[in-house]
Amino acid sequence: MACSLRFTSGATTLGILLGTATWWFLLSSGISLFRKRFRLRQMLIINRISGTLIALLGLASMAEGLARIIFHQSLL
């Protein structure tokens, strides 16, 4: 059981790492392809929207984790 849990944790961590790296690569590649078409003001707006979305997703994840700790809900 412990070995299975370690494998699942490792697979989850690897999945998050690969997903994050892929998202960053696609986002930065897409922006660099169209960079000359955007004005500085538009790039600033895109950066702020992206940063806000990432922050909101992080806060939602933290709130869910805290709620699970407080209310003792299982992860399954």
PDB file of N, CA and C in Angstrom:
ATOM      1  N   MET A   1       0.832  -1.195   0.000  1.00  0.00           N
ATOM      2  CA  MET A   1       0.000   0.000   0.000  1.00  0.00           C
ATOM      3  C   MET A   1       0.875   1.256   0.000  1.00  0.00           C
ATOM      4  N   ALA A   2       1.935   1.280   0.819  1.00  0.00           N
ATOM      5  CA  ALA A   2       2.802   2.452   0.893  1.00  0.00           C
ATOM      6  C   ALA A   2       3.522   2.689  -0.418  1.00  0.00           C
ATOM      7  N   CYS A   3       3.934   1.609  -1.078  1.00  0.00           N
ATOM      8  CA  CYS A   3       4.609   1.731  -2.371  1.00  0.00           C
ATOM      9  C   CYS A   3       3.658   2.311  -3.413  1.00  0.00           C
ATOM     10  N   SER A   4       2.411   1.866  -3.379  1.00  0.00           N
ATOM     11  CA  SER A   4       1.406   2.368  -4.315  1.00  0.00           C
ATOM     12  C   SER A   4       1.148   3.854  -4.088  1.00  0.00           C
ATOM     13  N   LEU A   5       1.105   4.250  -2.826  1.00  0.00           N
ATOM     14  CA  LEU A   5       0.878   5.655  -2.496  1.00  0.00           C
ATOM     15  C   LEU A   5       2.046   6.517  -2.951  1.00  0.00           C
ATOM     16  N   ARG A   6       3.287   6.015  -2.782  1.00  0.00           N
ATOM     17  CA  ARG A   6       4.448   6.755  -3.243  1.00  0.00           C
ATOM     18  C   ARG A   6       4.440   6.907  -4.757  1.00  0.00           C
ATOM     19  N   PHE A   7       4.060   5.844  -5.463  1.00  0.00           N
ATOM     20  CA  PHE A   7       3.985   5.901  -6.925  1.00  0.00           C
ATOM     21  C   PHE A   7       2.935   6.910  -7.361  1.00  0.00           C
ATOM     22  N   THR A   8       1.783   6.896  -6.720  1.00  0.00           N
ATOM     23  CA  THR A   8       0.709   7.831  -7.059  1.00  0.00           C
ATOM     24  C   THR A   8       1.145   9.267  -6.796  1.00  0.00           C
ATOM     25  N   SER A   9       1.817   9.499  -5.683  1.00  0.00           N
ATOM     26  CA  SER A   9       2.296  10.844  -5.367  1.00  0.00           C
ATOM     27  C   SER A   9       3.329  11.305  -6.386  1.00  0.00           C
ATOM     28  N   GLY A  10       4.231  10.411  -6.745  1.00  0.00           N
ATOM     29  CA  GLY A  10       5.249  10.751  -7.743  1.00  0.00           C
ATOM     30  C   GLY A  10       4.640  11.012  -9.104  1.00  0.00           C
ATOM     31  N   ALA A  11       3.674  10.181  -9.484  1.00  0.00           N
ATOM     32  CA  ALA A  11       3.010  10.366 -10.777  1.00  0.00           C
ATOM     33  C   ALA A  11       2.237  11.680 -10.803  1.00  0.00           C
ATOM     34  N   THR A  12       1.595  12.017  -9.700  1.00  0.00           N
ATOM     35  CA  THR A  12       0.859  13.279  -9.614  1.00  0.00           C
ATOM     36  C   THR A  12       1.807  14.467  -9.718  1.00  0.00           C
ATOM     37  N   THR A  13       2.900  14.409  -8.990  1.00  0.00           N
ATOM     38  CA  THR A  13       3.888  15.486  -9.037  1.00  0.00           C
ATOM     39  C   THR A  13       4.467  15.637 -10.440  1.00  0.00           C
ATOM     40  N   LEU A  14       4.808  14.527 -11.061  1.00  0.00           N
ATOM     41  CA  LEU A  14       5.337  14.565 -12.417  1.00  0.00           C
ATOM     42  C   LEU A  14       4.301  15.112 -13.394  1.00  0.00           C
ATOM     43  N   GLY A  15       3.051  14.716 -13.233  1.00  0.00           N
ATOM     44  CA  GLY A  15       1.984  15.217 -14.092  1.00  0.00           C
ATOM     45  C   GLY A  15       1.800  16.718 -13.967  1.00  0.00           C
ATOM     46  N   ILE A  16       1.850  17.214 -12.744  1.00  0.00           N
ATOM     47  CA  ILE A  16       1.726  18.658 -12.516  1.00  0.00           C
ATOM     48  C   ILE A  16       2.908  19.393 -13.132  1.00  0.00           C
ATOM     49  N   LEU A  17       4.105  18.854 -12.939  1.00  0.00           N
ATOM     50  CA  LEU A  17       5.298  19.464 -13.505  1.00  0.00           C
ATOM     51  C   LEU A  17       5.227  19.509 -15.030  1.00  0.00           C
ATOM     52  N   LEU A  18       4.864  18.393 -15.646  1.00  0.00           N
ATOM     53  CA  LEU A  18       4.783  18.352 -17.110  1.00  0.00           C
ATOM     54  C   LEU A  18       3.658  19.241 -17.642  1.00  0.00           C
ATOM     55  N   GLY A  19       2.534  19.245 -16.953  1.00  0.00           N
ATOM     56  CA  GLY A  19       1.425  20.101 -17.376  1.00  0.00           C
ATOM     57  C   GLY A  19       1.774  21.574 -17.284  1.00  0.00           C
ATOM     58  N   THR A  20       2.429  21.959 -16.215  1.00  0.00           N
ATOM     59  CA  THR A  20       2.837  23.347 -16.027  1.00  0.00           C
ATOM     60  C   THR A  20       3.866  23.761 -17.071  1.00  0.00           C
ATOM     61  N   ALA A  21       4.840  22.885 -17.304  1.00  0.00           N
ATOM     62  CA  ALA A  21       5.876  23.191 -18.295  1.00  0.00           C
ATOM     63  C   ALA A  21       5.277  23.303 -19.692  1.00  0.00           C
ATOM     64  N   THR A  22       4.353  22.404 -20.014  1.00  0.00           N
ATOM     65  CA  THR A  22       3.694  22.453 -21.331  1.00  0.00           C
ATOM     66  C   THR A  22       2.887  23.729 -21.483  1.00  0.00           C
ATOM     67  N   TRP A  23       2.118  24.081 -20.457  1.00  0.00           N
ATOM     68  CA  TRP A  23       1.318  25.303 -20.509  1.00  0.00           C
ATOM     69  C   TRP A  23       2.221  26.522 -20.692  1.00  0.00           C
ATOM     70  N   TRP A  24       3.305  26.607 -19.937  1.00  0.00           N
ATOM     71  CA  TRP A  24       4.223  27.732 -20.042  1.00  0.00           C
ATOM     72  C   TRP A  24       4.847  27.798 -21.429  1.00  0.00           C
ATOM     73  N   PHE A  25       5.254  26.658 -21.963  1.00  0.00           N
ATOM     74  CA  PHE A  25       5.851  26.616 -23.298  1.00  0.00           C
ATOM     75  C   PHE A  25       4.847  27.081 -24.353  1.00  0.00           C
ATOM     76  N   LEU A  26       3.615  26.577 -24.304  1.00  0.00           N
ATOM     77  CA  LEU A  26       2.607  26.971 -25.285  1.00  0.00           C
ATOM     78  C   LEU A  26       2.247  28.453 -25.165  1.00  0.00           C
ATOM     79  N   LEU A  27       2.101  28.923 -23.948  1.00  0.00           N
ATOM     80  CA  LEU A  27       1.752  30.327 -23.734  1.00  0.00           C
ATOM     81  C   LEU A  27       2.864  31.245 -24.217  1.00  0.00           C
ATOM     82  N   SER A  28       4.094  30.957 -23.835  1.00  0.00           N
ATOM     83  CA  SER A  28       5.202  31.826 -24.237  1.00  0.00           C
ATOM     84  C   SER A  28       5.481  31.726 -25.737  1.00  0.00           C
ATOM     85  N   SER A  29       5.326  30.529 -26.305  1.00  0.00           N
ATOM     86  CA  SER A  29       5.514  30.381 -27.760  1.00  0.00           C
ATOM     87  C   SER A  29       4.440  31.134 -28.536  1.00  0.00           C
ATOM     88  N   GLY A  30       3.202  31.008 -28.085  1.00  0.00           N
ATOM     89  CA  GLY A  30       2.106  31.714 -28.754  1.00  0.00           C
ATOM     90  C   GLY A  30       2.260  33.220 -28.691  1.00  0.00           C
ATOM     91  N   ILE A  31       2.652  33.712 -27.546  1.00  0.00           N
ATOM     92  CA  ILE A  31       2.847  35.151 -27.400  1.00  0.00           C
ATOM     93  C   ILE A  31       4.019  35.625 -28.255  1.00  0.00           C
ATOM     94  N   SER A  32       5.104  34.855 -28.287  1.00  0.00           N
ATOM     95  CA  SER A  32       6.257  35.287 -29.082  1.00  0.00           C
ATOM     96  C   SER A  32       5.940  35.276 -30.580  1.00  0.00           C
ATOM     97  N   LEU A  33       5.081  34.372 -31.025  1.00  0.00           N
ATOM     98  CA  LEU A  33       4.690  34.348 -32.438  1.00  0.00           C
ATOM     99  C   LEU A  33       3.905  35.607 -32.826  1.00  0.00           C
ATOM    100  N   PHE A  34       3.067  36.053 -31.916  1.00  0.00           N
ATOM    101  CA  PHE A  34       2.197  37.192 -32.210  1.00  0.00           C
ATOM    102  C   PHE A  34       2.662  38.486 -31.552  1.00  0.00           C
ATOM    103  N   ARG A  35       3.859  38.498 -31.010  1.00  0.00           N
ATOM    104  CA  ARG A  35       4.343  39.639 -30.237  1.00  0.00           C
ATOM    105  C   ARG A  35       4.341  40.938 -31.041  1.00  0.00           C
ATOM    106  N   LYS A  36       4.736  40.884 -32.287  1.00  0.00           N
ATOM    107  CA  LYS A  36       4.815  42.102 -33.098  1.00  0.00           C
ATOM    108  C   LYS A  36       3.432  42.651 -33.444  1.00  0.00           C
ATOM    109  N   ARG A  37       2.417  41.821 -33.323  1.00  0.00           N
ATOM    110  CA  ARG A  37       1.051  42.276 -33.607  1.00  0.00           C
ATOM    111  C   ARG A  37       0.415  42.980 -32.409  1.00  0.00           C
ATOM    112  N   PHE A  38       0.983  42.774 -31.232  1.00  0.00           N
ATOM    113  CA  PHE A  38       0.439  43.390 -30.029  1.00  0.00           C
ATOM    114  C   PHE A  38       1.193  44.669 -29.692  1.00  0.00           C
ATOM    115  N   ARG A  39       0.460  45.642 -29.232  1.00  0.00           N
ATOM    116  CA  ARG A  39       1.083  46.854 -28.708  1.00  0.00           C
ATOM    117  C   ARG A  39       1.437  46.613 -27.248  1.00  0.00           C
ATOM    118  N   LEU A  40       2.264  47.481 -26.711  1.00  0.00           N
ATOM    119  CA  LEU A  40       2.704  47.338 -25.330  1.00  0.00           C
ATOM    120  C   LEU A  40       1.513  47.330 -24.368  1.00  0.00           C
ATOM    121  N   ARG A  41       0.535  48.173 -24.611  1.00  0.00           N
ATOM    122  CA  ARG A  41      -0.650  48.244 -23.743  1.00  0.00           C
ATOM    123  C   ARG A  41      -1.415  46.914 -23.762  1.00  0.00           C
ATOM    124  N   GLN A  42      -1.544  46.319 -24.935  1.00  0.00           N
ATOM    125  CA  GLN A  42      -2.245  45.041 -25.045  1.00  0.00           C
ATOM    126  C   GLN A  42      -1.477  43.931 -24.319  1.00  0.00           C
ATOM    127  N   MET A  43      -0.157  43.956 -24.430  1.00  0.00           N
ATOM    128  CA  MET A  43       0.655  42.970 -23.719  1.00  0.00           C
ATOM    129  C   MET A  43       0.495  43.115 -22.205  1.00  0.00           C
ATOM    130  N   LEU A  44       0.421  44.348 -21.738  1.00  0.00           N
ATOM    131  CA  LEU A  44       0.224  44.595 -20.314  1.00  0.00           C
ATOM    132  C   LEU A  44      -1.116  44.026 -19.853  1.00  0.00           C
ATOM    133  N   ILE A  45      -2.150  44.220 -20.648  1.00  0.00           N
ATOM    134  CA  ILE A  45      -3.482  43.701 -20.301  1.00  0.00           C
ATOM    135  C   ILE A  45      -3.462  42.173 -20.278  1.00  0.00           C
ATOM    136  N   ILE A  46      -2.841  41.568 -21.284  1.00  0.00           N
ATOM    137  CA  ILE A  46      -2.742  40.104 -21.332  1.00  0.00           C
ATOM    138  C   ILE A  46      -1.985  39.580 -20.108  1.00  0.00           C
ATOM    139  N   ASN A  47      -0.884  40.236 -19.756  1.00  0.00           N
ATOM    140  CA  ASN A  47      -0.104  39.813 -18.589  1.00  0.00           C
ATOM    141  C   ASN A  47      -0.912  39.927 -17.300  1.00  0.00           C
ATOM    142  N   ARG A  48      -1.658  40.995 -17.161  1.00  0.00           N
ATOM    143  CA  ARG A  48      -2.462  41.175 -15.949  1.00  0.00           C
ATOM    144  C   ARG A  48      -3.583  40.153 -15.862  1.00  0.00           C
ATOM    145  N   ILE A  49      -4.237  39.874 -16.980  1.00  0.00           N
ATOM    146  CA  ILE A  49      -5.302  38.869 -16.988  1.00  0.00           C
ATOM    147  C   ILE A  49      -4.730  37.493 -16.655  1.00  0.00           C
ATOM    148  N   SER A  50      -3.617  37.144 -17.279  1.00  0.00           N
ATOM    149  CA  SER A  50      -2.982  35.840 -17.016  1.00  0.00           C
ATOM    150  C   SER A  50      -2.568  35.715 -15.559  1.00  0.00           C
ATOM    151  N   GLY A  51      -1.951  36.752 -15.027  1.00  0.00           N
ATOM    152  CA  GLY A  51      -1.524  36.734 -13.630  1.00  0.00           C
ATOM    153  C   GLY A  51      -2.693  36.622 -12.670  1.00  0.00           C
ATOM    154  N   THR A  52      -3.774  37.327 -12.982  1.00  0.00           N
ATOM    155  CA  THR A  52      -4.969  37.267 -12.138  1.00  0.00           C
ATOM    156  C   THR A  52      -5.568  35.869 -12.149  1.00  0.00           C
ATOM    157  N   LEU A  53      -5.662  35.257 -13.333  1.00  0.00           N
ATOM    158  CA  LEU A  53      -6.209  33.903 -13.425  1.00  0.00           C
ATOM    159  C   LEU A  53      -5.350  32.903 -12.659  1.00  0.00           C
ATOM    160  N   ILE A  54      -4.050  33.009 -12.791  1.00  0.00           N
ATOM    161  CA  ILE A  54      -3.157  32.103 -12.071  1.00  0.00           C
ATOM    162  C   ILE A  54      -3.302  32.294 -10.560  1.00  0.00           C
ATOM    163  N   ALA A  55      -3.379  33.544 -10.121  1.00  0.00           N
ATOM    164  CA  ALA A  55      -3.544  33.824  -8.689  1.00  0.00           C
ATOM    165  C   ALA A  55      -4.877  33.285  -8.173  1.00  0.00           C
ATOM    166  N   LEU A  56      -5.944  33.471  -8.942  1.00  0.00           N
ATOM    167  CA  LEU A  56      -7.260  32.969  -8.522  1.00  0.00           C
ATOM    168  C   LEU A  56      -7.280  31.447  -8.435  1.00  0.00           C
ATOM    169  N   LEU A  57      -6.671  30.788  -9.401  1.00  0.00           N
ATOM    170  CA  LEU A  57      -6.603  29.325  -9.350  1.00  0.00           C
ATOM    171  C   LEU A  57      -5.790  28.850  -8.143  1.00  0.00           C
ATOM    172  N   GLY A  58      -4.711  29.550  -7.848  1.00  0.00           N
ATOM    173  CA  GLY A  58      -3.912  29.214  -6.672  1.00  0.00           C
ATOM    174  C   GLY A  58      -4.687  29.412  -5.380  1.00  0.00           C
ATOM    175  N   LEU A  59      -5.401  30.524  -5.291  1.00  0.00           N
ATOM    176  CA  LEU A  59      -6.208  30.785  -4.092  1.00  0.00           C
ATOM    177  C   LEU A  59      -7.325  29.762  -3.937  1.00  0.00           C
ATOM    178  N   ALA A  60      -7.974  29.385  -5.047  1.00  0.00           N
ATOM    179  CA  ALA A  60      -9.035  28.378  -4.990  1.00  0.00           C
ATOM    180  C   ALA A  60      -8.474  27.039  -4.528  1.00  0.00           C
ATOM    181  N   SER A  61      -7.307  26.699  -5.023  1.00  0.00           N
ATOM    182  CA  SER A  61      -6.674  25.437  -4.618  1.00  0.00           C
ATOM    183  C   SER A  61      -6.310  25.460  -3.137  1.00  0.00           C
ATOM    184  N   MET A  62      -5.777  26.576  -2.672  1.00  0.00           N
ATOM    185  CA  MET A  62      -5.426  26.700  -1.262  1.00  0.00           C
ATOM    186  C   MET A  62      -6.678  26.646  -0.386  1.00  0.00           C
ATOM    187  N   ALA A  63      -7.748  27.295  -0.813  1.00  0.00           N
ATOM    188  CA  ALA A  63      -8.994  27.291  -0.042  1.00  0.00           C
ATOM    189  C   ALA A  63      -9.569  25.881   0.040  1.00  0.00           C
ATOM    190  N   GLU A  64      -9.506  25.142  -1.066  1.00  0.00           N
ATOM    191  CA  GLU A  64     -10.000  23.760  -1.051  1.00  0.00           C
ATOM    192  C   GLU A  64      -9.171  22.902  -0.106  1.00  0.00           C
ATOM    193  N   GLY A  65      -7.861  23.050  -0.167  1.00  0.00           N
ATOM    194  CA  GLY A  65      -6.994  22.280   0.728  1.00  0.00           C
ATOM    195  C   GLY A  65      -7.232  22.618   2.183  1.00  0.00           C
ATOM    196  N   LEU A  66      -7.407  23.895   2.480  1.00  0.00           N
ATOM    197  CA  LEU A  66      -7.687  24.320   3.850  1.00  0.00           C
ATOM    198  C   LEU A  66      -9.029  23.782   4.326  1.00  0.00           C
ATOM    199  N   ALA A  67     -10.032  23.826   3.444  1.00  0.00           N
ATOM    200  CA  ALA A  67     -11.350  23.305   3.816  1.00  0.00           C
ATOM    201  C   ALA A  67     -11.271  21.810   4.106  1.00  0.00           C
ATOM    202  N   ARG A  68     -10.478  21.092   3.324  1.00  0.00           N
ATOM    203  CA  ARG A  68     -10.337  19.650   3.574  1.00  0.00           C
ATOM    204  C   ARG A  68      -9.635  19.392   4.900  1.00  0.00           C
ATOM    205  N   ILE A  69      -8.683  20.216   5.258  1.00  0.00           N
ATOM    206  CA  ILE A  69      -7.998  20.046   6.533  1.00  0.00           C
ATOM    207  C   ILE A  69      -8.938  20.367   7.685  1.00  0.00           C
ATOM    208  N   ILE A  70      -9.668  21.458   7.569  1.00  0.00           N
ATOM    209  CA  ILE A  70     -10.555  21.901   8.641  1.00  0.00           C
ATOM    210  C   ILE A  70     -11.701  20.916   8.848  1.00  0.00           C
ATOM    211  N   PHE A  71     -12.297  20.461   7.757  1.00  0.00           N
ATOM    212  CA  PHE A  71     -13.471  19.606   7.848  1.00  0.00           C
ATOM    213  C   PHE A  71     -13.130  18.112   7.746  1.00  0.00           C
ATOM    214  N   HIS A  72     -11.834  17.771   7.723  1.00  0.00           N
ATOM    215  CA  HIS A  72     -11.338  16.395   7.738  1.00  0.00           C
ATOM    216  C   HIS A  72     -11.925  15.552   6.614  1.00  0.00           C
ATOM    217  N   GLN A  73     -12.029  16.118   5.433  1.00  0.00           N
ATOM    218  CA  GLN A  73     -12.533  15.345   4.293  1.00  0.00           C
ATOM    219  C   GLN A  73     -11.371  14.599   3.666  1.00  0.00           C
ATOM    220  N   SER A  74     -11.649  13.425   3.170  1.00  0.00           N
ATOM    221  CA  SER A  74     -10.614  12.642   2.528  1.00  0.00           C
ATOM    222  C   SER A  74     -10.341  13.199   1.126  1.00  0.00           C
ATOM    223  N   LEU A  75      -9.212  12.852   0.573  1.00  0.00           N
ATOM    224  CA  LEU A  75      -8.831  13.348  -0.757  1.00  0.00           C
ATOM    225  C   LEU A  75      -9.502  12.533  -1.856  1.00  0.00           C
ATOM    226  N   LEU A  76     -10.121  11.433  -1.545  1.00  0.00           N
ATOM    227  CA  LEU A  76     -10.753  10.602  -2.568  1.00  0.00           C
ATOM    228  C   LEU A  76     -12.209  10.886  -2.706  1.00  0.00           C
TER     229      LEU A  76
END
